[in-house]
Amino acid sequence: MKKKIVVIIVISLLILVILIIYLLYLLNYIPHKMYSNEYFNIKTYTSNTDKDNDGIDDQTDILTSVREYIATNPKYKSKYYAGGYPNDEYGVCTDVVAFGLKGAGYDLMELVNDDIKNNKNNYNIDIIDKNIDFRRVQNLKIYFENNAISLTTDIYDIENWQGGDIVIFQNHIGIISDNRNKNGVAFVIHHANPYQKYYEEDILELRNDIVGHYRIS
């Protein structure tokens, strides 16, 4: 009887450990294997535009700039900045996009502010505040819907998800990575919360709240 109890306890502990490991994997605390476009015979998209004339096309430039930004290991905290862009070690999800675009020559703060002033009826804003409006997901959804190329939200249409694209969720935003999971679904470079271990994560198959997928034109 005692042996049976011990066996049951051991099996229960093993099952618990397996469940914990699986949960940690789902939550991206355990790294997921990454695959390249070449692995799936997908041609990497490059833009015909070089906004900042640095010899690097916009799509590549955005992705490179995003990686440079997350390399600074920003900590997650929502703060107001008089100059708009965070100038310390903190940031939120929208800053990943803003710094990615800024490195490619697109000042999202100015662009969104101009669009709000010219098309205020499109935005649910009472008082325009240039320093914060471009850091709100709902405003960026409207801005990109009207000023970028709108693409598929079907994550399994894998060829049409390319590194440097922008993905918007119900209350979140990120940049599409040039790395993919075993199904060819793209990873996302994002900043979601203070407990996030990695900035580049395999999350698209776990989400059911994608509301937009865009590419800078």
N, C-alpha and C. Protein backbone atom coordinates (compact mmCIF):
# COMPACT_ATOMS: atom_id res chain seq x y z
N MET A 1 0.83 -1.21 0.00
CA MET A 1 0.00 0.00 0.00
C MET A 1 0.86 1.26 0.00
N LYS A 2 1.92 1.22 0.82
CA LYS A 2 2.82 2.38 0.90
C LYS A 2 3.51 2.59 -0.44
N LYS A 3 3.90 1.48 -1.10
CA LYS A 3 4.56 1.59 -2.41
C LYS A 3 3.62 2.23 -3.42
N LYS A 4 2.36 1.85 -3.37
CA LYS A 4 1.37 2.42 -4.27
C LYS A 4 1.24 3.91 -4.08
N ILE A 5 1.20 4.31 -2.82
CA ILE A 5 1.08 5.73 -2.49
C ILE A 5 2.30 6.50 -3.01
N VAL A 6 3.49 5.93 -2.81
CA VAL A 6 4.72 6.56 -3.27
C VAL A 6 4.71 6.70 -4.79
N VAL A 7 4.29 5.63 -5.47
CA VAL A 7 4.22 5.65 -6.93
C VAL A 7 3.26 6.73 -7.41
N ILE A 8 2.10 6.81 -6.76
CA ILE A 8 1.10 7.82 -7.13
C ILE A 8 1.65 9.22 -6.93
N ILE A 9 2.35 9.42 -5.80
CA ILE A 9 2.93 10.73 -5.51
C ILE A 9 3.98 11.10 -6.56
N VAL A 10 4.85 10.12 -6.89
CA VAL A 10 5.91 10.36 -7.87
C VAL A 10 5.31 10.70 -9.23
N ILE A 11 4.30 9.93 -9.65
CA ILE A 11 3.64 10.18 -10.93
C ILE A 11 2.97 11.56 -10.94
N SER A 12 2.32 11.88 -9.83
CA SER A 12 1.65 13.18 -9.72
C SER A 12 2.65 14.32 -9.83
N LEU A 13 3.81 14.16 -9.17
CA LEU A 13 4.85 15.19 -9.22
C LEU A 13 5.41 15.33 -10.63
N LEU A 14 5.59 14.20 -11.31
CA LEU A 14 6.09 14.23 -12.69
C LEU A 14 5.11 14.96 -13.61
N ILE A 15 3.83 14.65 -13.44
CA ILE A 15 2.81 15.31 -14.24
C ILE A 15 2.80 16.81 -13.97
N LEU A 16 2.94 17.17 -12.69
CA LEU A 16 2.96 18.58 -12.31
C LEU A 16 4.16 19.29 -12.93
N VAL A 17 5.32 18.64 -12.89
CA VAL A 17 6.53 19.22 -13.47
C VAL A 17 6.36 19.41 -14.98
N ILE A 18 5.79 18.39 -15.63
CA ILE A 18 5.56 18.48 -17.08
C ILE A 18 4.61 19.63 -17.41
N LEU A 19 3.55 19.76 -16.60
CA LEU A 19 2.58 20.84 -16.83
C LEU A 19 3.22 22.21 -16.63
N ILE A 20 4.07 22.31 -15.61
CA ILE A 20 4.75 23.57 -15.33
C ILE A 20 5.68 23.93 -16.48
N ILE A 21 6.44 22.93 -16.96
CA ILE A 21 7.36 23.16 -18.07
C ILE A 21 6.58 23.58 -19.32
N TYR A 22 5.46 22.93 -19.57
CA TYR A 22 4.63 23.25 -20.74
C TYR A 22 4.08 24.67 -20.62
N LEU A 23 3.64 25.03 -19.41
CA LEU A 23 3.12 26.38 -19.20
C LEU A 23 4.21 27.42 -19.41
N LEU A 24 5.40 27.15 -18.88
CA LEU A 24 6.52 28.08 -19.06
C LEU A 24 6.89 28.21 -20.53
N TYR A 25 6.75 27.11 -21.25
CA TYR A 25 7.03 27.13 -22.70
C TYR A 25 5.99 28.00 -23.41
N LEU A 26 4.72 27.79 -23.08
CA LEU A 26 3.66 28.59 -23.70
C LEU A 26 3.83 30.07 -23.41
N LEU A 27 4.29 30.39 -22.20
CA LEU A 27 4.47 31.78 -21.80
C LEU A 27 5.80 32.36 -22.26
N ASN A 28 6.55 31.56 -23.03
CA ASN A 28 7.82 31.99 -23.60
C ASN A 28 8.93 32.22 -22.58
N TYR A 29 8.79 31.63 -21.39
CA TYR A 29 9.89 31.68 -20.44
C TYR A 29 10.96 30.66 -20.81
N ILE A 30 10.57 29.68 -21.62
CA ILE A 30 11.50 28.74 -22.21
C ILE A 30 11.59 29.10 -23.69
N PRO A 31 12.79 29.38 -24.19
CA PRO A 31 12.92 29.84 -25.59
C PRO A 31 12.35 28.83 -26.59
N HIS A 32 11.75 29.34 -27.66
CA HIS A 32 11.24 28.51 -28.74
C HIS A 32 12.25 28.50 -29.88
N LYS A 33 12.34 27.39 -30.56
CA LYS A 33 13.26 27.30 -31.69
C LYS A 33 12.81 28.24 -32.79
N MET A 34 13.77 28.91 -33.41
CA MET A 34 13.47 29.87 -34.46
C MET A 34 13.91 29.35 -35.82
N TYR A 35 13.10 29.65 -36.83
CA TYR A 35 13.39 29.26 -38.20
C TYR A 35 13.40 30.51 -39.08
N SER A 36 14.21 30.47 -40.11
CA SER A 36 14.33 31.63 -41.01
C SER A 36 13.35 31.54 -42.17
N ASN A 37 13.24 32.63 -42.93
CA ASN A 37 12.43 32.62 -44.15
C ASN A 37 12.94 31.55 -45.13
N GLU A 38 14.25 31.43 -45.20
CA GLU A 38 14.85 30.49 -46.14
C GLU A 38 14.40 29.06 -45.84
N TYR A 39 14.20 28.74 -44.59
CA TYR A 39 13.78 27.39 -44.20
C TYR A 39 12.45 27.03 -44.85
N PHE A 40 11.58 28.03 -45.00
CA PHE A 40 10.25 27.80 -45.58
C PHE A 40 10.18 28.25 -47.05
N ASN A 41 11.35 28.56 -47.63
CA ASN A 41 11.42 29.04 -49.01
C ASN A 41 10.57 30.29 -49.23
N ILE A 42 10.61 31.17 -48.23
CA ILE A 42 9.89 32.43 -48.31
C ILE A 42 10.87 33.54 -48.68
N LYS A 43 10.51 34.30 -49.70
CA LYS A 43 11.35 35.42 -50.10
C LYS A 43 11.19 36.56 -49.11
N THR A 44 12.30 37.06 -48.59
CA THR A 44 12.25 38.17 -47.64
C THR A 44 11.89 39.45 -48.36
N TYR A 45 10.88 40.13 -47.83
CA TYR A 45 10.42 41.38 -48.45
C TYR A 45 11.38 42.52 -48.16
N THR A 46 11.68 43.30 -49.19
CA THR A 46 12.43 44.54 -49.02
C THR A 46 11.63 45.68 -49.65
N SER A 47 11.67 46.81 -49.00
CA SER A 47 10.92 47.97 -49.47
C SER A 47 11.65 48.67 -50.60
N ASN A 48 10.89 49.35 -51.45
CA ASN A 48 11.49 50.16 -52.51
C ASN A 48 11.84 51.55 -52.01
N THR A 49 11.52 51.82 -50.74
CA THR A 49 11.73 53.15 -50.17
C THR A 49 12.85 53.15 -49.14
N ASP A 50 13.63 54.21 -49.14
CA ASP A 50 14.68 54.42 -48.14
C ASP A 50 14.49 55.83 -47.59
N LYS A 51 13.58 55.95 -46.64
CA LYS A 51 13.16 57.26 -46.12
C LYS A 51 14.31 58.12 -45.64
N ASP A 52 15.26 57.52 -44.91
CA ASP A 52 16.34 58.32 -44.34
C ASP A 52 17.61 58.31 -45.19
N ASN A 53 17.51 57.74 -46.40
CA ASN A 53 18.63 57.74 -47.35
C ASN A 53 19.94 57.22 -46.75
N ASP A 54 19.82 56.13 -45.98
CA ASP A 54 21.03 55.55 -45.38
C ASP A 54 21.51 54.31 -46.12
N GLY A 55 20.89 54.05 -47.28
CA GLY A 55 21.30 52.90 -48.06
C GLY A 55 20.64 51.60 -47.64
N ILE A 56 19.73 51.68 -46.67
CA ILE A 56 19.02 50.49 -46.18
C ILE A 56 17.53 50.71 -46.42
N ASP A 57 16.87 49.75 -47.05
CA ASP A 57 15.44 49.92 -47.34
C ASP A 57 14.65 50.01 -46.04
N ASP A 58 13.49 50.65 -46.10
CA ASP A 58 12.69 50.93 -44.89
C ASP A 58 12.34 49.68 -44.09
N GLN A 59 11.94 48.61 -44.78
CA GLN A 59 11.51 47.40 -44.07
C GLN A 59 12.66 46.83 -43.24
N THR A 60 13.82 46.74 -43.86
CA THR A 60 15.01 46.25 -43.16
C THR A 60 15.43 47.22 -42.06
N ASP A 61 15.35 48.50 -42.37
CA ASP A 61 15.75 49.54 -41.42
C ASP A 61 14.89 49.52 -40.16
N ILE A 62 13.59 49.33 -40.34
CA ILE A 62 12.67 49.28 -39.19
C ILE A 62 13.03 48.11 -38.28
N LEU A 63 13.22 46.94 -38.89
CA LEU A 63 13.54 45.75 -38.10
C LEU A 63 14.88 45.90 -37.39
N THR A 64 15.87 46.44 -38.08
CA THR A 64 17.19 46.65 -37.48
C THR A 64 17.10 47.63 -36.32
N SER A 65 16.34 48.71 -36.51
CA SER A 65 16.20 49.73 -35.46
C SER A 65 15.46 49.19 -34.24
N VAL A 66 14.47 48.33 -34.48
CA VAL A 66 13.75 47.70 -33.37
C VAL A 66 14.71 46.84 -32.55
N ARG A 67 15.55 46.08 -33.23
CA ARG A 67 16.51 45.24 -32.51
C ARG A 67 17.51 46.08 -31.72
N GLU A 68 17.89 47.21 -32.28
CA GLU A 68 18.79 48.12 -31.56
C GLU A 68 18.11 48.67 -30.32
N TYR A 69 16.81 48.96 -30.44
CA TYR A 69 16.07 49.49 -29.29
C TYR A 69 15.95 48.45 -28.18
N ILE A 70 15.54 47.24 -28.51
CA ILE A 70 15.36 46.23 -27.45
C ILE A 70 16.69 45.78 -26.87
N ALA A 71 17.79 46.02 -27.60
CA ALA A 71 19.11 45.69 -27.08
C ALA A 71 19.46 46.57 -25.88
N THR A 72 18.74 47.69 -25.71
CA THR A 72 18.96 48.55 -24.55
C THR A 72 18.24 48.01 -23.31
N ASN A 73 17.48 46.92 -23.49
CA ASN A 73 16.74 46.28 -22.39
C ASN A 73 15.83 47.25 -21.64
N PRO A 74 14.91 47.90 -22.35
CA PRO A 74 14.01 48.84 -21.66
C PRO A 74 13.13 48.12 -20.64
N LYS A 75 12.94 48.76 -19.51
CA LYS A 75 12.06 48.21 -18.47
C LYS A 75 10.64 48.71 -18.74
N TYR A 76 9.66 47.88 -18.40
CA TYR A 76 8.28 48.24 -18.70
C TYR A 76 7.71 49.18 -17.63
N LYS A 77 7.33 50.36 -18.05
CA LYS A 77 6.63 51.29 -17.17
C LYS A 77 5.98 52.37 -18.04
N SER A 78 4.72 52.67 -17.75
CA SER A 78 4.02 53.70 -18.49
C SER A 78 4.26 55.04 -17.81
N LYS A 79 4.95 55.93 -18.51
CA LYS A 79 5.27 57.25 -18.00
C LYS A 79 5.00 58.29 -19.08
N TYR A 80 4.84 59.53 -18.65
CA TYR A 80 4.65 60.64 -19.59
C TYR A 80 6.00 61.34 -19.79
N TYR A 81 6.30 61.66 -21.03
CA TYR A 81 7.56 62.35 -21.33
C TYR A 81 7.26 63.64 -22.08
N ALA A 82 7.84 64.71 -21.61
CA ALA A 82 7.60 66.02 -22.23
C ALA A 82 8.05 66.06 -23.67
N GLY A 83 9.06 65.28 -24.00
CA GLY A 83 9.53 65.25 -25.39
C GLY A 83 8.92 64.12 -26.19
N GLY A 84 7.96 63.43 -25.59
CA GLY A 84 7.28 62.36 -26.30
C GLY A 84 7.99 61.02 -26.19
N TYR A 85 9.18 60.94 -26.75
CA TYR A 85 9.94 59.69 -26.74
C TYR A 85 10.61 59.47 -25.38
N PRO A 86 10.49 58.28 -24.82
CA PRO A 86 11.18 57.99 -23.55
C PRO A 86 12.68 58.24 -23.68
N ASN A 87 13.24 58.91 -22.69
CA ASN A 87 14.67 59.22 -22.73
C ASN A 87 15.41 58.59 -21.56
N ASP A 88 14.80 57.53 -21.00
CA ASP A 88 15.44 56.83 -19.90
C ASP A 88 15.36 55.34 -20.19
N GLU A 89 15.43 54.52 -19.18
CA GLU A 89 15.48 53.07 -19.39
C GLU A 89 14.10 52.41 -19.43
N TYR A 90 13.05 53.22 -19.49
CA TYR A 90 11.69 52.67 -19.46
C TYR A 90 11.00 52.79 -20.81
N GLY A 91 9.91 52.04 -20.95
CA GLY A 91 9.14 52.10 -22.18
C GLY A 91 7.92 51.20 -22.11
N VAL A 92 7.08 51.28 -23.15
CA VAL A 92 5.88 50.44 -23.26
C VAL A 92 5.83 49.88 -24.68
N CYS A 93 4.75 49.16 -24.99
CA CYS A 93 4.68 48.46 -26.28
C CYS A 93 4.79 49.41 -27.47
N THR A 94 4.14 50.56 -27.39
CA THR A 94 4.14 51.48 -28.52
C THR A 94 5.53 52.05 -28.80
N ASP A 95 6.39 52.08 -27.79
CA ASP A 95 7.74 52.61 -27.99
C ASP A 95 8.58 51.71 -28.87
N VAL A 96 8.31 50.41 -28.86
CA VAL A 96 9.01 49.49 -29.74
C VAL A 96 8.78 49.90 -31.19
N VAL A 97 7.53 50.21 -31.50
CA VAL A 97 7.17 50.62 -32.86
C VAL A 97 7.73 52.01 -33.16
N ALA A 98 7.58 52.93 -32.23
CA ALA A 98 8.02 54.31 -32.45
C ALA A 98 9.52 54.39 -32.70
N PHE A 99 10.30 53.68 -31.91
CA PHE A 99 11.75 53.72 -32.09
C PHE A 99 12.18 52.96 -33.34
N GLY A 100 11.44 51.90 -33.68
CA GLY A 100 11.73 51.19 -34.92
C GLY A 100 11.55 52.08 -36.12
N LEU A 101 10.44 52.81 -36.14
CA LEU A 101 10.17 53.71 -37.27
C LEU A 101 11.11 54.91 -37.27
N LYS A 102 11.43 55.40 -36.07
CA LYS A 102 12.30 56.57 -35.98
C LYS A 102 13.67 56.27 -36.57
N GLY A 103 14.16 55.06 -36.32
CA GLY A 103 15.46 54.67 -36.85
C GLY A 103 15.47 54.55 -38.36
N ALA A 104 14.28 54.44 -38.95
CA ALA A 104 14.17 54.35 -40.41
C ALA A 104 13.82 55.70 -41.03
N GLY A 105 13.70 56.74 -40.18
CA GLY A 105 13.44 58.08 -40.70
C GLY A 105 12.01 58.56 -40.56
N TYR A 106 11.18 57.80 -39.83
CA TYR A 106 9.78 58.19 -39.65
C TYR A 106 9.56 58.64 -38.21
N ASP A 107 9.24 59.91 -38.02
CA ASP A 107 8.98 60.44 -36.68
C ASP A 107 7.51 60.23 -36.37
N LEU A 108 7.20 59.15 -35.70
CA LEU A 108 5.81 58.77 -35.45
C LEU A 108 5.08 59.82 -34.62
N MET A 109 5.79 60.47 -33.72
CA MET A 109 5.16 61.51 -32.90
C MET A 109 4.62 62.63 -33.80
N GLU A 110 5.43 63.09 -34.73
CA GLU A 110 5.02 64.17 -35.63
C GLU A 110 3.95 63.68 -36.61
N LEU A 111 4.13 62.48 -37.12
CA LEU A 111 3.19 61.95 -38.12
C LEU A 111 1.79 61.76 -37.54
N VAL A 112 1.73 61.18 -36.35
CA VAL A 112 0.43 60.96 -35.72
C VAL A 112 -0.21 62.28 -35.33
N ASN A 113 0.60 63.19 -34.82
CA ASN A 113 0.08 64.50 -34.42
C ASN A 113 -0.52 65.24 -35.62
N ASP A 114 0.19 65.21 -36.74
CA ASP A 114 -0.32 65.88 -37.95
C ASP A 114 -1.61 65.22 -38.42
N ASP A 115 -1.65 63.88 -38.35
CA ASP A 115 -2.85 63.17 -38.82
C ASP A 115 -4.05 63.46 -37.92
N ILE A 116 -3.79 63.55 -36.63
CA ILE A 116 -4.88 63.87 -35.69
C ILE A 116 -5.41 65.27 -35.95
N LYS A 117 -4.51 66.22 -36.15
CA LYS A 117 -4.94 67.61 -36.39
C LYS A 117 -5.70 67.74 -37.70
N ASN A 118 -5.29 66.96 -38.70
CA ASN A 118 -5.94 67.05 -40.02
C ASN A 118 -7.19 66.19 -40.13
N ASN A 119 -7.30 65.19 -39.27
CA ASN A 119 -8.44 64.25 -39.35
C ASN A 119 -8.98 63.94 -37.95
N LYS A 120 -9.23 64.98 -37.18
CA LYS A 120 -9.59 64.76 -35.79
C LYS A 120 -10.86 63.93 -35.63
N ASN A 121 -11.76 64.00 -36.59
CA ASN A 121 -13.00 63.23 -36.50
C ASN A 121 -12.77 61.73 -36.52
N ASN A 122 -11.60 61.32 -37.00
CA ASN A 122 -11.28 59.89 -37.03
C ASN A 122 -10.83 59.37 -35.67
N TYR A 123 -10.43 60.29 -34.82
CA TYR A 123 -9.85 59.91 -33.52
C TYR A 123 -10.80 60.28 -32.38
N ASN A 124 -10.83 59.44 -31.39
CA ASN A 124 -11.65 59.71 -30.21
C ASN A 124 -10.81 60.49 -29.18
N ILE A 125 -10.48 61.73 -29.53
CA ILE A 125 -9.61 62.57 -28.71
C ILE A 125 -10.28 63.91 -28.45
N ASP A 126 -10.34 64.30 -27.19
CA ASP A 126 -10.88 65.62 -26.84
C ASP A 126 -9.79 66.68 -26.86
N ILE A 127 -8.68 66.36 -26.20
CA ILE A 127 -7.56 67.30 -26.13
C ILE A 127 -6.34 66.66 -26.79
N ILE A 128 -5.83 67.28 -27.82
CA ILE A 128 -4.66 66.75 -28.51
C ILE A 128 -3.41 66.98 -27.67
N ASP A 129 -2.64 65.92 -27.49
CA ASP A 129 -1.38 66.02 -26.76
C ASP A 129 -0.32 65.28 -27.56
N LYS A 130 0.47 66.02 -28.27
CA LYS A 130 1.49 65.47 -29.16
C LYS A 130 2.42 64.49 -28.47
N ASN A 131 2.70 64.74 -27.20
CA ASN A 131 3.68 63.94 -26.48
C ASN A 131 3.19 62.54 -26.09
N ILE A 132 1.90 62.31 -26.13
CA ILE A 132 1.38 61.03 -25.67
C ILE A 132 0.49 60.34 -26.69
N ASP A 133 -0.10 61.12 -27.60
CA ASP A 133 -1.07 60.54 -28.54
C ASP A 133 -0.47 59.41 -29.39
N PHE A 134 0.80 59.55 -29.77
CA PHE A 134 1.43 58.52 -30.62
C PHE A 134 1.85 57.29 -29.81
N ARG A 135 1.66 57.34 -28.51
CA ARG A 135 2.03 56.21 -27.65
C ARG A 135 0.78 55.46 -27.17
N ARG A 136 -0.34 55.70 -27.83
CA ARG A 136 -1.58 55.01 -27.49
C ARG A 136 -1.96 54.06 -28.63
N VAL A 137 -2.21 52.80 -28.28
CA VAL A 137 -2.48 51.78 -29.29
C VAL A 137 -3.68 52.14 -30.16
N GLN A 138 -4.74 52.64 -29.55
CA GLN A 138 -5.95 52.92 -30.33
C GLN A 138 -5.71 54.01 -31.37
N ASN A 139 -4.84 54.97 -31.06
CA ASN A 139 -4.50 56.01 -32.04
C ASN A 139 -3.65 55.45 -33.18
N LEU A 140 -2.72 54.57 -32.83
CA LEU A 140 -1.87 53.98 -33.85
C LEU A 140 -2.67 53.09 -34.79
N LYS A 141 -3.68 52.42 -34.26
CA LYS A 141 -4.54 51.59 -35.11
C LYS A 141 -5.18 52.46 -36.19
N ILE A 142 -5.69 53.60 -35.80
CA ILE A 142 -6.33 54.51 -36.75
C ILE A 142 -5.30 55.08 -37.73
N TYR A 143 -4.16 55.47 -37.19
CA TYR A 143 -3.13 56.07 -38.04
C TYR A 143 -2.66 55.08 -39.10
N PHE A 144 -2.31 53.87 -38.70
CA PHE A 144 -1.79 52.90 -39.67
C PHE A 144 -2.87 52.43 -40.63
N GLU A 145 -4.10 52.36 -40.16
CA GLU A 145 -5.19 51.97 -41.04
C GLU A 145 -5.33 52.94 -42.21
N ASN A 146 -5.03 54.21 -41.93
CA ASN A 146 -5.20 55.25 -42.95
C ASN A 146 -3.91 55.64 -43.67
N ASN A 147 -2.76 55.19 -43.16
CA ASN A 147 -1.50 55.67 -43.72
C ASN A 147 -0.48 54.58 -44.01
N ALA A 148 -0.87 53.34 -43.90
CA ALA A 148 0.05 52.24 -44.20
C ALA A 148 -0.68 51.19 -45.03
N ILE A 149 0.05 50.20 -45.52
CA ILE A 149 -0.55 49.12 -46.28
C ILE A 149 -1.19 48.14 -45.31
N SER A 150 -2.46 47.88 -45.48
CA SER A 150 -3.18 46.93 -44.61
C SER A 150 -3.03 45.53 -45.18
N LEU A 151 -2.61 44.59 -44.33
CA LEU A 151 -2.32 43.23 -44.76
C LEU A 151 -3.19 42.22 -44.03
N THR A 152 -3.01 40.96 -44.38
CA THR A 152 -3.80 39.88 -43.81
C THR A 152 -3.63 39.76 -42.29
N THR A 153 -4.68 39.33 -41.63
CA THR A 153 -4.58 39.00 -40.19
C THR A 153 -4.61 37.49 -39.99
N ASP A 154 -4.57 36.74 -41.09
CA ASP A 154 -4.47 35.27 -41.03
C ASP A 154 -3.01 34.91 -40.81
N ILE A 155 -2.68 34.48 -39.60
CA ILE A 155 -1.27 34.23 -39.26
C ILE A 155 -0.67 33.06 -40.01
N TYR A 156 -1.53 32.21 -40.60
CA TYR A 156 -1.03 31.05 -41.34
C TYR A 156 -0.82 31.36 -42.82
N ASP A 157 -1.12 32.58 -43.22
CA ASP A 157 -0.74 33.06 -44.54
C ASP A 157 0.69 33.58 -44.41
N ILE A 158 1.61 32.65 -44.16
CA ILE A 158 2.92 33.00 -43.60
C ILE A 158 3.78 33.87 -44.50
N GLU A 159 3.65 33.74 -45.82
CA GLU A 159 4.49 34.54 -46.71
C GLU A 159 4.20 36.03 -46.60
N ASN A 160 2.99 36.36 -46.17
CA ASN A 160 2.60 37.76 -46.07
C ASN A 160 2.86 38.38 -44.71
N TRP A 161 3.57 37.66 -43.85
CA TRP A 161 4.04 38.21 -42.58
C TRP A 161 5.55 38.32 -42.67
N GLN A 162 6.05 39.55 -42.68
CA GLN A 162 7.48 39.77 -42.91
C GLN A 162 8.08 40.64 -41.81
N GLY A 163 9.35 40.40 -41.54
CA GLY A 163 10.05 41.18 -40.53
C GLY A 163 9.97 42.66 -40.82
N GLY A 164 9.58 43.45 -39.83
CA GLY A 164 9.42 44.90 -40.01
C GLY A 164 7.97 45.32 -40.15
N ASP A 165 7.07 44.35 -40.36
CA ASP A 165 5.63 44.66 -40.36
C ASP A 165 5.19 45.05 -38.96
N ILE A 166 4.02 45.63 -38.87
CA ILE A 166 3.44 46.05 -37.59
C ILE A 166 2.19 45.21 -37.33
N VAL A 167 2.07 44.66 -36.14
CA VAL A 167 0.87 43.91 -35.76
C VAL A 167 0.21 44.62 -34.59
N ILE A 168 -1.11 44.77 -34.67
CA ILE A 168 -1.85 45.42 -33.59
C ILE A 168 -2.89 44.46 -33.04
N PHE A 169 -2.87 44.33 -31.73
CA PHE A 169 -3.86 43.53 -31.01
C PHE A 169 -4.89 44.48 -30.39
N GLN A 170 -5.84 43.94 -29.68
CA GLN A 170 -6.90 44.75 -29.10
C GLN A 170 -6.33 45.88 -28.23
N ASN A 171 -5.35 45.55 -27.41
CA ASN A 171 -4.75 46.57 -26.52
C ASN A 171 -3.23 46.47 -26.50
N HIS A 172 -2.66 46.11 -27.63
CA HIS A 172 -1.22 45.87 -27.65
C HIS A 172 -0.71 46.04 -29.08
N ILE A 173 0.60 46.22 -29.23
CA ILE A 173 1.20 46.42 -30.55
C ILE A 173 2.62 45.89 -30.55
N GLY A 174 3.09 45.45 -31.70
CA GLY A 174 4.46 44.97 -31.80
C GLY A 174 4.94 45.00 -33.25
N ILE A 175 6.20 44.61 -33.42
CA ILE A 175 6.81 44.52 -34.74
C ILE A 175 7.05 43.05 -35.08
N ILE A 176 6.72 42.68 -36.29
CA ILE A 176 6.93 41.30 -36.72
C ILE A 176 8.42 41.03 -36.90
N SER A 177 8.86 39.88 -36.40
CA SER A 177 10.25 39.46 -36.51
C SER A 177 10.49 38.75 -37.84
N ASP A 178 11.76 38.61 -38.21
CA ASP A 178 12.10 37.80 -39.38
C ASP A 178 12.36 36.35 -38.99
N ASN A 179 12.09 36.00 -37.73
CA ASN A 179 12.18 34.62 -37.26
C ASN A 179 10.78 34.03 -37.16
N ARG A 180 10.69 32.71 -37.32
CA ARG A 180 9.40 32.02 -37.33
C ARG A 180 9.46 30.76 -36.47
N ASN A 181 8.26 30.26 -36.11
CA ASN A 181 8.22 28.99 -35.38
C ASN A 181 8.15 27.82 -36.36
N LYS A 182 7.99 26.62 -35.87
CA LYS A 182 8.03 25.42 -36.72
C LYS A 182 6.90 25.38 -37.73
N ASN A 183 5.84 26.16 -37.49
CA ASN A 183 4.72 26.23 -38.43
C ASN A 183 4.86 27.36 -39.44
N GLY A 184 5.95 28.10 -39.32
CA GLY A 184 6.17 29.23 -40.21
C GLY A 184 5.54 30.52 -39.72
N VAL A 185 4.88 30.46 -38.56
CA VAL A 185 4.23 31.65 -38.00
C VAL A 185 5.30 32.57 -37.40
N ALA A 186 5.23 33.82 -37.73
CA ALA A 186 6.27 34.78 -37.32
C ALA A 186 6.27 35.03 -35.82
N PHE A 187 7.46 35.25 -35.29
CA PHE A 187 7.62 35.74 -33.92
C PHE A 187 7.27 37.23 -33.90
N VAL A 188 7.05 37.76 -32.71
CA VAL A 188 6.75 39.18 -32.55
C VAL A 188 7.76 39.81 -31.60
N ILE A 189 8.27 40.97 -31.98
CA ILE A 189 9.14 41.75 -31.10
C ILE A 189 8.26 42.77 -30.42
N HIS A 190 8.15 42.67 -29.09
CA HIS A 190 7.19 43.52 -28.39
C HIS A 190 7.63 43.70 -26.94
N HIS A 191 6.88 44.54 -26.23
CA HIS A 191 7.15 44.82 -24.81
C HIS A 191 5.80 44.87 -24.11
N ALA A 192 5.44 43.78 -23.45
CA ALA A 192 4.07 43.64 -22.97
C ALA A 192 3.87 43.92 -21.49
N ASN A 193 4.85 43.60 -20.66
CA ASN A 193 4.68 43.72 -19.22
C ASN A 193 6.02 43.64 -18.51
N PRO A 194 6.06 43.95 -17.22
CA PRO A 194 7.33 43.94 -16.49
C PRO A 194 7.91 42.54 -16.28
N TYR A 195 7.12 41.51 -16.53
CA TYR A 195 7.55 40.14 -16.24
C TYR A 195 8.02 39.40 -17.49
N GLN A 196 8.00 40.06 -18.61
CA GLN A 196 8.39 39.45 -19.88
C GLN A 196 9.89 39.17 -19.87
N LYS A 197 10.28 37.93 -20.19
CA LYS A 197 11.69 37.56 -20.15
C LYS A 197 12.42 37.93 -21.43
N TYR A 198 11.77 37.66 -22.57
CA TYR A 198 12.37 37.95 -23.87
C TYR A 198 11.49 38.95 -24.63
N TYR A 199 12.13 39.80 -25.42
CA TYR A 199 11.36 40.78 -26.21
C TYR A 199 10.85 40.17 -27.51
N GLU A 200 11.51 39.11 -27.98
CA GLU A 200 11.12 38.45 -29.22
C GLU A 200 10.47 37.13 -28.87
N GLU A 201 9.17 37.02 -29.13
CA GLU A 201 8.42 35.86 -28.65
C GLU A 201 7.51 35.24 -29.70
N ASP A 202 7.22 33.98 -29.49
CA ASP A 202 6.32 33.20 -30.35
C ASP A 202 4.92 33.27 -29.75
N ILE A 203 4.16 34.33 -30.10
CA ILE A 203 2.88 34.57 -29.44
C ILE A 203 1.67 34.58 -30.36
N LEU A 204 1.88 34.68 -31.68
CA LEU A 204 0.73 34.88 -32.57
C LEU A 204 -0.29 33.76 -32.50
N GLU A 205 0.17 32.52 -32.31
CA GLU A 205 -0.78 31.40 -32.26
C GLU A 205 -1.53 31.34 -30.93
N LEU A 206 -1.09 32.14 -29.97
CA LEU A 206 -1.76 32.17 -28.66
C LEU A 206 -2.77 33.30 -28.56
N ARG A 207 -2.78 34.18 -29.56
CA ARG A 207 -3.65 35.35 -29.49
C ARG A 207 -4.86 35.17 -30.39
N ASN A 208 -5.99 35.70 -29.94
CA ASN A 208 -7.20 35.71 -30.79
C ASN A 208 -7.75 37.12 -30.91
N ASP A 209 -6.86 38.11 -30.68
CA ASP A 209 -7.31 39.50 -30.67
C ASP A 209 -6.53 40.38 -31.63
N ILE A 210 -6.04 39.79 -32.73
CA ILE A 210 -5.34 40.60 -33.73
C ILE A 210 -6.37 41.47 -34.46
N VAL A 211 -6.13 42.77 -34.48
CA VAL A 211 -7.07 43.69 -35.14
C VAL A 211 -6.45 44.40 -36.33
N GLY A 212 -5.14 44.21 -36.55
CA GLY A 212 -4.52 44.87 -37.69
C GLY A 212 -3.12 44.38 -37.96
N HIS A 213 -2.75 44.40 -39.22
CA HIS A 213 -1.40 44.01 -39.67
C HIS A 213 -1.04 44.97 -40.78
N TYR A 214 0.07 45.70 -40.60
CA TYR A 214 0.37 46.80 -41.52
C TYR A 214 1.84 46.80 -41.94
N ARG A 215 2.07 47.48 -43.06
CA ARG A 215 3.42 47.64 -43.57
C ARG A 215 3.58 49.10 -44.02
N ILE A 216 4.69 49.69 -43.64
CA ILE A 216 4.96 51.08 -44.02
C ILE A 216 5.13 51.14 -45.52
N SER A 217 4.41 52.05 -46.15
CA SER A 217 4.45 52.16 -47.63
C SER A 217 5.45 53.22 -48.05
